Amino acid sequence: MELIHIRISISFIIVLSILQGCTFLGPMWKQSETPASQCLSELLNKNSAIKRCKGIAKISAYGFDIQVNERVAFISEYPHCLRAEMLSPFGGIGSPFTLVCNENQIYITGRILPEPYAFKPDGFLLKKILPIKLMPNELISCLNGQLPIDKGMRARFDHHSSQQILWLTKGFIWKKKHKIVFYSKSNDVQSFETYDRFNALIYRLYFDDYRKIGQFLIPFKIRFSNDSNQSIVIDMQSYWVNKPINNMPFQTEILDETSQKGKFSCINFIITRLFY
């Protein structure tokens, strides 16, 4: 009986020691993580007041078999909705290419395609067109001046690098990772990399040419690339924040009729739907 009491006492002392150790280490852990956690909070809050945006951008592709060098008008509503139309050189006969994304569907149509295409938004958006594994909400986040950071990430700074680098991780053994590199002089985000649980690069983003739009700081040049150095570059030419959205531009049910009949010229669509 005494032996049992002795074992219980020893177990109790061990548990208390562990708890005391956790109590002792807890404040130290919080203190060491505080700067990284604060930095993560700032990144999550940055431009969070942007709920929708509109703009015109030049889209270029590099490293692919096809050549892309087009001007596109887009309208975006965070976090799920996007409409982009390729601008024809002279307008007047309808957009040669239209992409619409909402919570339920991604729809692509236009005169340059043999038939409309539709697929679920949980598939890769650009993977269907070009081999860059970018999800729809990630692209929309970037257009809205925000980083596509996963929820529940833990943050730490890389103290072994000469650059300011923030690592975000989620998981235990196989961790999904974000690597964020900052410009040394401005502390704006220079690049954003996403890795899968096997430490393979999913995609890389570069941000440049930051400009002040009202109270928001927006990168006017965004480069999306993969591990094969294939890339798509978005150069903003015009950009508007939180303007009203009219005429339900994210509905896909009406696109067949309007796009195939060519009712709306590119110029009229931009004037009547995007900028008013």
C-alpha atoms as a PDB file:
ATOM      1  CA  MET A   1       0.000   0.000   0.000  1.00  0.00           C
ATOM      2  CA  GLU A   2       2.886   2.301   0.859  1.00  0.00           C
ATOM      3  CA  LEU A   3       4.433   1.535  -2.513  1.00  0.00           C
ATOM      4  CA  ILE A   4       1.274   2.702  -4.266  1.00  0.00           C
ATOM      5  CA  HIS A   5       1.243   5.946  -2.254  1.00  0.00           C
ATOM      6  CA  ILE A   6       4.911   6.527  -3.058  1.00  0.00           C
ATOM      7  CA  ARG A   7       4.243   6.026  -6.801  1.00  0.00           C
ATOM      8  CA  ILE A   8       1.269   8.408  -6.660  1.00  0.00           C
ATOM      9  CA  SER A   9       3.369  11.004  -4.837  1.00  0.00           C
ATOM     10  CA  ILE A  10       6.190  10.705  -7.357  1.00  0.00           C
ATOM     11  CA  SER A  11       3.745  10.996 -10.266  1.00  0.00           C
ATOM     12  CA  PHE A  12       2.150  14.048  -8.642  1.00  0.00           C
ATOM     13  CA  ILE A  13       5.558  15.713  -8.187  1.00  0.00           C
ATOM     14  CA  ILE A  14       6.439  15.020 -11.845  1.00  0.00           C
ATOM     15  CA  VAL A  15       3.164  16.520 -13.051  1.00  0.00           C
ATOM     16  CA  LEU A  16       3.691  19.608 -10.891  1.00  0.00           C
ATOM     17  CA  SER A  17       7.212  19.966 -12.240  1.00  0.00           C
ATOM     18  CA  ILE A  18       5.958  19.802 -15.811  1.00  0.00           C
ATOM     19  CA  LEU A  19       3.242  22.343 -15.086  1.00  0.00           C
ATOM     20  CA  GLN A  20       5.721  24.649 -13.376  1.00  0.00           C
ATOM     21  CA  GLY A  21       8.055  24.269 -16.320  1.00  0.00           C
ATOM     22  CA  CYS A  22       5.282  25.181 -18.743  1.00  0.00           C
ATOM     23  CA  THR A  23       4.357  28.153 -16.591  1.00  0.00           C
ATOM     24  CA  PHE A  24       7.966  29.261 -16.556  1.00  0.00           C
ATOM     25  CA  LEU A  25       8.473  28.779 -20.281  1.00  0.00           C
ATOM     26  CA  GLY A  26       5.102  30.233 -21.312  1.00  0.00           C
ATOM     27  CA  PRO A  27       5.932  33.938 -20.837  1.00  0.00           C
ATOM     28  CA  MET A  28       9.335  33.438 -22.469  1.00  0.00           C
ATOM     29  CA  TRP A  29       7.733  31.774 -25.508  1.00  0.00           C
ATOM     30  CA  LYS A  30       5.141  34.536 -25.821  1.00  0.00           C
ATOM     31  CA  GLN A  31       7.772  37.217 -25.472  1.00  0.00           C
ATOM     32  CA  SER A  32      10.008  35.717 -28.193  1.00  0.00           C
ATOM     33  CA  GLU A  33       7.053  35.281 -30.579  1.00  0.00           C
ATOM     34  CA  THR A  34       5.500  38.694 -29.995  1.00  0.00           C
ATOM     35  CA  PRO A  35       7.316  40.676 -32.754  1.00  0.00           C
ATOM     36  CA  ALA A  36       6.554  38.001 -35.364  1.00  0.00           C
ATOM     37  CA  SER A  37       2.956  37.688 -34.220  1.00  0.00           C
ATOM     38  CA  GLN A  38       2.531  41.450 -34.353  1.00  0.00           C
ATOM     39  CA  CYS A  39       3.988  41.508 -37.844  1.00  0.00           C
ATOM     40  CA  LEU A  40       1.547  38.802 -38.929  1.00  0.00           C
ATOM     41  CA  SER A  41      -1.368  40.752 -37.438  1.00  0.00           C
ATOM     42  CA  GLU A  42      -0.288  43.861 -39.333  1.00  0.00           C
ATOM     43  CA  LEU A  43      -0.130  41.896 -42.593  1.00  0.00           C
ATOM     44  CA  LEU A  44      -3.595  40.454 -42.002  1.00  0.00           C
ATOM     45  CA  ASN A  45      -5.040  43.888 -41.247  1.00  0.00           C
ATOM     46  CA  LYS A  46      -3.297  45.647 -44.133  1.00  0.00           C
ATOM     47  CA  ASN A  47      -5.820  46.754 -46.772  1.00  0.00           C
ATOM     48  CA  SER A  48      -8.522  44.691 -45.045  1.00  0.00           C
ATOM     49  CA  ALA A  49     -10.892  47.622 -45.584  1.00  0.00           C
ATOM     50  CA  ILE A  50     -10.728  47.017 -49.347  1.00  0.00           C
ATOM     51  CA  LYS A  51     -13.893  45.073 -50.115  1.00  0.00           C
ATOM     52  CA  ARG A  52     -13.881  45.556 -53.875  1.00  0.00           C
ATOM     53  CA  CYS A  53     -11.692  47.068 -56.548  1.00  0.00           C
ATOM     54  CA  LYS A  54     -11.783  47.853 -60.259  1.00  0.00           C
ATOM     55  CA  GLY A  55      -9.029  48.480 -62.710  1.00  0.00           C
ATOM     56  CA  ILE A  56      -7.310  48.093 -66.050  1.00  0.00           C
ATOM     57  CA  ALA A  57      -4.100  46.092 -66.242  1.00  0.00           C
ATOM     58  CA  LYS A  58      -1.657  44.767 -68.790  1.00  0.00           C
ATOM     59  CA  ILE A  59      -1.223  40.973 -68.551  1.00  0.00           C
ATOM     60  CA  SER A  60       1.998  39.369 -69.817  1.00  0.00           C
ATOM     61  CA  ALA A  61       3.164  35.743 -69.718  1.00  0.00           C
ATOM     62  CA  TYR A  62       6.735  34.466 -69.819  1.00  0.00           C
ATOM     63  CA  GLY A  63       8.171  30.969 -70.253  1.00  0.00           C
ATOM     64  CA  PHE A  64       5.073  29.435 -71.879  1.00  0.00           C
ATOM     65  CA  ASP A  65       4.465  28.034 -75.338  1.00  0.00           C
ATOM     66  CA  ILE A  66       1.798  30.687 -75.893  1.00  0.00           C
ATOM     67  CA  GLN A  67       2.383  34.433 -75.879  1.00  0.00           C
ATOM     68  CA  VAL A  68       0.136  36.644 -73.774  1.00  0.00           C
ATOM     69  CA  ASN A  69       0.429  40.422 -73.871  1.00  0.00           C
ATOM     70  CA  GLU A  70      -3.045  41.888 -73.424  1.00  0.00           C
ATOM     71  CA  ARG A  71      -4.901  44.653 -71.637  1.00  0.00           C
ATOM     72  CA  VAL A  72      -7.627  43.487 -69.269  1.00  0.00           C
ATOM     73  CA  ALA A  73     -10.387  45.274 -67.378  1.00  0.00           C
ATOM     74  CA  PHE A  74     -11.259  43.647 -64.065  1.00  0.00           C
ATOM     75  CA  ILE A  75     -13.656  44.057 -61.184  1.00  0.00           C
ATOM     76  CA  SER A  76     -13.170  42.176 -57.920  1.00  0.00           C
ATOM     77  CA  GLU A  77     -15.157  41.711 -54.736  1.00  0.00           C
ATOM     78  CA  TYR A  78     -13.368  40.097 -51.799  1.00  0.00           C
ATOM     79  CA  PRO A  79     -13.115  37.181 -51.182  1.00  0.00           C
ATOM     80  CA  HIS A  80     -14.776  35.131 -53.948  1.00  0.00           C
ATOM     81  CA  CYS A  81     -15.865  37.280 -56.897  1.00  0.00           C
ATOM     82  CA  LEU A  82     -13.940  38.388 -59.956  1.00  0.00           C
ATOM     83  CA  ARG A  83     -14.749  39.431 -63.483  1.00  0.00           C
ATOM     84  CA  ALA A  84     -12.029  40.102 -66.058  1.00  0.00           C
ATOM     85  CA  GLU A  85     -12.477  41.021 -69.713  1.00  0.00           C
ATOM     86  CA  MET A  86      -9.785  41.212 -72.343  1.00  0.00           C
ATOM     87  CA  LEU A  87      -9.940  44.551 -74.124  1.00  0.00           C
ATOM     88  CA  SER A  88     -10.146  44.261 -77.891  1.00  0.00           C
ATOM     89  CA  PRO A  89      -7.938  46.742 -79.771  1.00  0.00           C
ATOM     90  CA  PHE A  90     -10.840  48.851 -81.042  1.00  0.00           C
ATOM     91  CA  GLY A  91     -13.796  47.672 -78.914  1.00  0.00           C
ATOM     92  CA  GLY A  92     -17.311  47.774 -80.313  1.00  0.00           C
ATOM     93  CA  ILE A  93     -17.935  44.061 -81.007  1.00  0.00           C
ATOM     94  CA  GLY A  94     -17.688  42.420 -77.620  1.00  0.00           C
ATOM     95  CA  SER A  95     -14.878  41.174 -75.458  1.00  0.00           C
ATOM     96  CA  PRO A  96     -12.668  38.477 -77.025  1.00  0.00           C
ATOM     97  CA  PHE A  97     -12.268  36.844 -73.606  1.00  0.00           C
ATOM     98  CA  THR A  98     -14.303  36.972 -70.373  1.00  0.00           C
ATOM     99  CA  LEU A  99     -13.617  35.277 -67.051  1.00  0.00           C
ATOM    100  CA  VAL A 100     -16.165  35.326 -64.239  1.00  0.00           C
ATOM    101  CA  CYS A 101     -15.632  33.807 -60.815  1.00  0.00           C
ATOM    102  CA  ASN A 102     -18.090  33.590 -57.917  1.00  0.00           C
ATOM    103  CA  GLU A 103     -18.615  31.272 -54.954  1.00  0.00           C
ATOM    104  CA  ASN A 104     -20.148  28.521 -57.084  1.00  0.00           C
ATOM    105  CA  GLN A 105     -18.526  28.634 -60.485  1.00  0.00           C
ATOM    106  CA  ILE A 106     -15.693  29.852 -62.665  1.00  0.00           C
ATOM    107  CA  TYR A 107     -16.861  30.647 -66.178  1.00  0.00           C
ATOM    108  CA  ILE A 108     -14.694  31.442 -69.202  1.00  0.00           C
ATOM    109  CA  THR A 109     -16.077  32.476 -72.568  1.00  0.00           C
ATOM    110  CA  GLY A 110     -15.337  34.722 -75.518  1.00  0.00           C
ATOM    111  CA  ARG A 111     -14.840  34.974 -79.240  1.00  0.00           C
ATOM    112  CA  ILE A 112     -11.320  33.568 -79.035  1.00  0.00           C
ATOM    113  CA  LEU A 113     -12.557  30.284 -77.516  1.00  0.00           C
ATOM    114  CA  PRO A 114     -14.397  27.501 -79.376  1.00  0.00           C
ATOM    115  CA  GLU A 115     -16.934  27.126 -76.542  1.00  0.00           C
ATOM    116  CA  PRO A 116     -17.576  28.386 -72.996  1.00  0.00           C
ATOM    117  CA  TYR A 117     -15.830  26.603 -70.143  1.00  0.00           C
ATOM    118  CA  ALA A 118     -17.135  26.232 -66.573  1.00  0.00           C
ATOM    119  CA  PHE A 119     -15.633  24.540 -63.536  1.00  0.00           C
ATOM    120  CA  LYS A 120     -15.831  24.641 -59.755  1.00  0.00           C
ATOM    121  CA  PRO A 121     -13.871  27.332 -57.896  1.00  0.00           C
ATOM    122  CA  ASP A 122     -12.227  24.754 -55.626  1.00  0.00           C
ATOM    123  CA  GLY A 123     -10.068  23.741 -58.613  1.00  0.00           C
ATOM    124  CA  PHE A 124      -7.011  25.724 -59.609  1.00  0.00           C
ATOM    125  CA  LEU A 125      -7.929  28.902 -61.435  1.00  0.00           C
ATOM    126  CA  LEU A 126      -4.790  29.511 -63.476  1.00  0.00           C
ATOM    127  CA  LYS A 127      -3.957  25.793 -63.518  1.00  0.00           C
ATOM    128  CA  LYS A 128      -6.811  25.375 -65.983  1.00  0.00           C
ATOM    129  CA  ILE A 129      -5.188  27.874 -68.341  1.00  0.00           C
ATOM    130  CA  LEU A 130      -1.511  28.043 -67.393  1.00  0.00           C
ATOM    131  CA  PRO A 131       0.443  25.776 -65.003  1.00  0.00           C
ATOM    132  CA  ILE A 132       0.530  28.059 -61.962  1.00  0.00           C
ATOM    133  CA  LYS A 133      -1.272  26.567 -58.986  1.00  0.00           C
ATOM    134  CA  LEU A 134      -3.170  29.613 -57.824  1.00  0.00           C
ATOM    135  CA  MET A 135      -6.598  29.383 -56.246  1.00  0.00           C
ATOM    136  CA  PRO A 136      -9.320  31.921 -57.126  1.00  0.00           C
ATOM    137  CA  ASN A 137      -9.422  33.496 -53.654  1.00  0.00           C
ATOM    138  CA  GLU A 138      -5.630  33.860 -53.689  1.00  0.00           C
ATOM    139  CA  LEU A 139      -5.705  35.827 -56.937  1.00  0.00           C
ATOM    140  CA  ILE A 140      -8.575  37.976 -55.636  1.00  0.00           C
ATOM    141  CA  SER A 141      -6.626  38.694 -52.434  1.00  0.00           C
ATOM    142  CA  CYS A 142      -3.677  39.953 -54.464  1.00  0.00           C
ATOM    143  CA  LEU A 143      -5.855  42.187 -56.637  1.00  0.00           C
ATOM    144  CA  ASN A 144      -7.329  43.649 -53.436  1.00  0.00           C
ATOM    145  CA  GLY A 145      -3.881  44.488 -52.080  1.00  0.00           C
ATOM    146  CA  GLN A 146      -3.792  41.645 -49.552  1.00  0.00           C
ATOM    147  CA  LEU A 147      -1.640  38.563 -49.060  1.00  0.00           C
ATOM    148  CA  PRO A 148      -3.208  35.094 -49.504  1.00  0.00           C
ATOM    149  CA  ILE A 149      -2.289  33.951 -45.991  1.00  0.00           C
ATOM    150  CA  ASP A 150      -3.866  30.760 -44.670  1.00  0.00           C
ATOM    151  CA  LYS A 151      -5.818  30.924 -41.424  1.00  0.00           C
ATOM    152  CA  GLY A 152      -4.214  29.668 -38.237  1.00  0.00           C
ATOM    153  CA  MET A 153      -0.591  30.267 -39.250  1.00  0.00           C
ATOM    154  CA  ARG A 154       2.198  30.583 -36.673  1.00  0.00           C
ATOM    155  CA  ALA A 155       4.840  33.253 -37.289  1.00  0.00           C
ATOM    156  CA  ARG A 156       8.576  33.495 -36.673  1.00  0.00           C
ATOM    157  CA  PHE A 157      11.356  35.665 -38.039  1.00  0.00           C
ATOM    158  CA  ASP A 158      14.389  34.187 -39.780  1.00  0.00           C
ATOM    159  CA  HIS A 159      17.288  35.507 -37.698  1.00  0.00           C
ATOM    160  CA  HIS A 160      19.905  33.787 -39.890  1.00  0.00           C
ATOM    161  CA  SER A 161      19.198  35.875 -42.981  1.00  0.00           C
ATOM    162  CA  SER A 162      20.496  39.321 -43.843  1.00  0.00           C
ATOM    163  CA  GLN A 163      17.027  40.122 -45.209  1.00  0.00           C
ATOM    164  CA  GLN A 164      13.917  40.574 -43.129  1.00  0.00           C
ATOM    165  CA  ILE A 165      12.075  37.279 -43.624  1.00  0.00           C
ATOM    166  CA  LEU A 166       8.915  36.102 -41.870  1.00  0.00           C
ATOM    167  CA  TRP A 167       8.072  32.385 -41.916  1.00  0.00           C
ATOM    168  CA  LEU A 168       4.471  31.296 -41.409  1.00  0.00           C
ATOM    169  CA  THR A 169       3.729  27.633 -40.726  1.00  0.00           C
ATOM    170  CA  LYS A 170       0.691  25.466 -40.092  1.00  0.00           C
ATOM    171  CA  GLY A 171       0.773  21.832 -39.021  1.00  0.00           C
ATOM    172  CA  PHE A 172       3.155  19.706 -36.993  1.00  0.00           C
ATOM    173  CA  ILE A 173       5.189  17.100 -38.876  1.00  0.00           C
ATOM    174  CA  TRP A 174       4.283  18.029 -42.456  1.00  0.00           C
ATOM    175  CA  LYS A 175       3.843  21.788 -42.376  1.00  0.00           C
ATOM    176  CA  LYS A 176       2.415  24.108 -44.974  1.00  0.00           C
ATOM    177  CA  LYS A 177       4.614  27.200 -45.155  1.00  0.00           C
ATOM    178  CA  HIS A 178       4.550  30.803 -46.321  1.00  0.00           C
ATOM    179  CA  LYS A 179       7.807  32.708 -46.743  1.00  0.00           C
ATOM    180  CA  ILE A 180       7.475  36.500 -46.740  1.00  0.00           C
ATOM    181  CA  VAL A 181      10.432  38.677 -47.724  1.00  0.00           C
ATOM    182  CA  PHE A 182      10.352  42.430 -47.061  1.00  0.00           C
ATOM    183  CA  TYR A 183      12.100  45.285 -48.823  1.00  0.00           C
ATOM    184  CA  SER A 184      14.960  46.507 -46.665  1.00  0.00           C
ATOM    185  CA  LYS A 185      14.241  50.231 -47.020  1.00  0.00           C
ATOM    186  CA  SER A 186      10.447  50.392 -46.984  1.00  0.00           C
ATOM    187  CA  ASN A 187       9.378  47.244 -45.084  1.00  0.00           C
ATOM    188  CA  ASP A 188       6.816  46.556 -47.823  1.00  0.00           C
ATOM    189  CA  VAL A 189       6.406  42.948 -48.923  1.00  0.00           C
ATOM    190  CA  GLN A 190       8.791  42.087 -51.751  1.00  0.00           C
ATOM    191  CA  SER A 191       7.909  38.419 -52.264  1.00  0.00           C
ATOM    192  CA  PHE A 192       5.533  35.784 -50.951  1.00  0.00           C
ATOM    193  CA  GLU A 193       6.150  32.057 -51.374  1.00  0.00           C
ATOM    194  CA  THR A 194       3.843  29.155 -50.560  1.00  0.00           C
ATOM    195  CA  TYR A 195       5.152  25.627 -49.933  1.00  0.00           C
ATOM    196  CA  ASP A 196       3.203  22.411 -49.527  1.00  0.00           C
ATOM    197  CA  ARG A 197       3.583  19.891 -46.714  1.00  0.00           C
ATOM    198  CA  PHE A 198       6.456  18.202 -48.571  1.00  0.00           C
ATOM    199  CA  ASN A 199       8.380  21.499 -48.787  1.00  0.00           C
ATOM    200  CA  ALA A 200       7.762  21.847 -52.531  1.00  0.00           C
ATOM    201  CA  LEU A 201       7.101  25.319 -53.916  1.00  0.00           C
ATOM    202  CA  ILE A 202       3.475  25.843 -54.935  1.00  0.00           C
ATOM    203  CA  TYR A 203       3.857  29.397 -56.263  1.00  0.00           C
ATOM    204  CA  ARG A 204       5.866  32.564 -55.759  1.00  0.00           C
ATOM    205  CA  LEU A 205       4.628  36.160 -55.854  1.00  0.00           C
ATOM    206  CA  TYR A 206       6.677  39.317 -56.388  1.00  0.00           C
ATOM    207  CA  PHE A 207       5.307  42.775 -55.549  1.00  0.00           C
ATOM    208  CA  ASP A 208       6.684  46.027 -56.908  1.00  0.00           C
ATOM    209  CA  ASP A 209       5.780  49.617 -57.806  1.00  0.00           C
ATOM    210  CA  TYR A 210       3.748  50.386 -54.672  1.00  0.00           C
ATOM    211  CA  ARG A 211       1.447  53.385 -55.026  1.00  0.00           C
ATOM    212  CA  LYS A 212      -0.815  55.238 -52.643  1.00  0.00           C
ATOM    213  CA  ILE A 213      -4.518  54.956 -53.551  1.00  0.00           C
ATOM    214  CA  GLY A 214      -6.395  56.997 -50.958  1.00  0.00           C
ATOM    215  CA  GLN A 215      -5.409  55.512 -47.607  1.00  0.00           C
ATOM    216  CA  PHE A 216      -4.216  52.234 -49.167  1.00  0.00           C
ATOM    217  CA  LEU A 217      -0.783  51.193 -50.441  1.00  0.00           C
ATOM    218  CA  ILE A 218      -1.215  48.994 -53.523  1.00  0.00           C
ATOM    219  CA  PRO A 219       1.437  47.100 -55.526  1.00  0.00           C
ATOM    220  CA  PHE A 220       0.899  48.092 -59.154  1.00  0.00           C
ATOM    221  CA  LYS A 221       3.107  45.261 -60.432  1.00  0.00           C
ATOM    222  CA  ILE A 222       2.502  41.641 -59.375  1.00  0.00           C
ATOM    223  CA  ARG A 223       4.375  38.654 -60.771  1.00  0.00           C
ATOM    224  CA  PHE A 224       3.037  35.111 -60.265  1.00  0.00           C
ATOM    225  CA  SER A 225       5.524  32.298 -60.945  1.00  0.00           C
ATOM    226  CA  ASN A 226       6.031  28.582 -60.403  1.00  0.00           C
ATOM    227  CA  ASP A 227       9.056  26.367 -59.751  1.00  0.00           C
ATOM    228  CA  SER A 228       9.740  26.161 -63.522  1.00  0.00           C
ATOM    229  CA  ASN A 229      10.213  29.951 -63.693  1.00  0.00           C
ATOM    230  CA  GLN A 230       7.074  30.362 -65.767  1.00  0.00           C
ATOM    231  CA  SER A 231       5.379  33.574 -64.797  1.00  0.00           C
ATOM    232  CA  ILE A 232       2.410  35.856 -65.347  1.00  0.00           C
ATOM    233  CA  VAL A 233       2.830  39.582 -64.724  1.00  0.00           C
ATOM    234  CA  ILE A 234       0.042  42.018 -63.911  1.00  0.00           C
ATOM    235  CA  ASP A 235       0.904  45.678 -64.512  1.00  0.00           C
ATOM    236  CA  MET A 236      -1.825  47.949 -63.189  1.00  0.00           C
ATOM    237  CA  GLN A 237      -2.619  50.927 -65.391  1.00  0.00           C
ATOM    238  CA  SER A 238      -5.679  52.191 -63.514  1.00  0.00           C
ATOM    239  CA  TYR A 239      -7.066  51.205 -60.121  1.00  0.00           C
ATOM    240  CA  TRP A 240     -10.162  52.185 -58.095  1.00  0.00           C
ATOM    241  CA  VAL A 241     -11.044  51.131 -54.533  1.00  0.00           C
ATOM    242  CA  ASN A 242     -14.463  50.411 -53.009  1.00  0.00           C
ATOM    243  CA  LYS A 243     -16.470  51.895 -55.867  1.00  0.00           C
ATOM    244  CA  PRO A 244     -20.117  50.773 -56.263  1.00  0.00           C
ATOM    245  CA  ILE A 245     -20.757  47.657 -58.349  1.00  0.00           C
ATOM    246  CA  ASN A 246     -23.808  47.631 -60.610  1.00  0.00           C
ATOM    247  CA  ASN A 247     -25.565  45.198 -62.960  1.00  0.00           C
ATOM    248  CA  MET A 248     -24.503  42.012 -61.124  1.00  0.00           C
ATOM    249  CA  PRO A 249     -21.268  41.411 -63.091  1.00  0.00           C
ATOM    250  CA  PHE A 250     -20.468  38.172 -61.215  1.00  0.00           C
ATOM    251  CA  GLN A 251     -23.546  36.222 -62.325  1.00  0.00           C
ATOM    252  CA  THR A 252     -22.648  33.461 -64.750  1.00  0.00           C
ATOM    253  CA  GLU A 253     -26.167  32.552 -65.881  1.00  0.00           C
ATOM    254  CA  ILE A 254     -26.418  35.475 -68.315  1.00  0.00           C
ATOM    255  CA  LEU A 255     -22.971  35.221 -69.850  1.00  0.00           C
ATOM    256  CA  ASP A 256     -23.818  32.818 -72.686  1.00  0.00           C
ATOM    257  CA  GLU A 257     -26.387  35.121 -74.179  1.00  0.00           C
ATOM    258  CA  THR A 258     -24.539  38.410 -73.756  1.00  0.00           C
ATOM    259  CA  SER A 259     -21.090  37.235 -74.794  1.00  0.00           C
ATOM    260  CA  GLN A 260     -22.099  35.134 -77.800  1.00  0.00           C
ATOM    261  CA  LYS A 261     -24.431  37.773 -79.216  1.00  0.00           C
ATOM    262  CA  GLY A 262     -21.823  40.473 -78.619  1.00  0.00           C
ATOM    263  CA  LYS A 263     -24.320  42.906 -77.123  1.00  0.00           C
ATOM    264  CA  PHE A 264     -21.762  44.801 -75.099  1.00  0.00           C
ATOM    265  CA  SER A 265     -18.680  46.400 -76.561  1.00  0.00           C
ATOM    266  CA  CYS A 266     -15.574  46.513 -74.424  1.00  0.00           C
ATOM    267  CA  ILE A 267     -15.679  50.290 -74.254  1.00  0.00           C
ATOM    268  CA  ASN A 268     -19.369  50.412 -73.274  1.00  0.00           C
ATOM    269  CA  PHE A 269     -18.872  47.673 -70.690  1.00  0.00           C
ATOM    270  CA  ILE A 270     -15.965  49.521 -69.083  1.00  0.00           C
ATOM    271  CA  ILE A 271     -17.841  52.826 -69.006  1.00  0.00           C
ATOM    272  CA  THR A 272     -21.230  51.557 -67.842  1.00  0.00           C
ATOM    273  CA  ARG A 273     -20.315  48.652 -65.563  1.00  0.00           C
ATOM    274  CA  LEU A 274     -16.836  49.118 -64.200  1.00  0.00           C
ATOM    275  CA  PHE A 275     -16.393  52.793 -63.573  1.00  0.00           C
ATOM    276  CA  TYR A 276     -19.912  53.955 -62.652  1.00  0.00           C
END
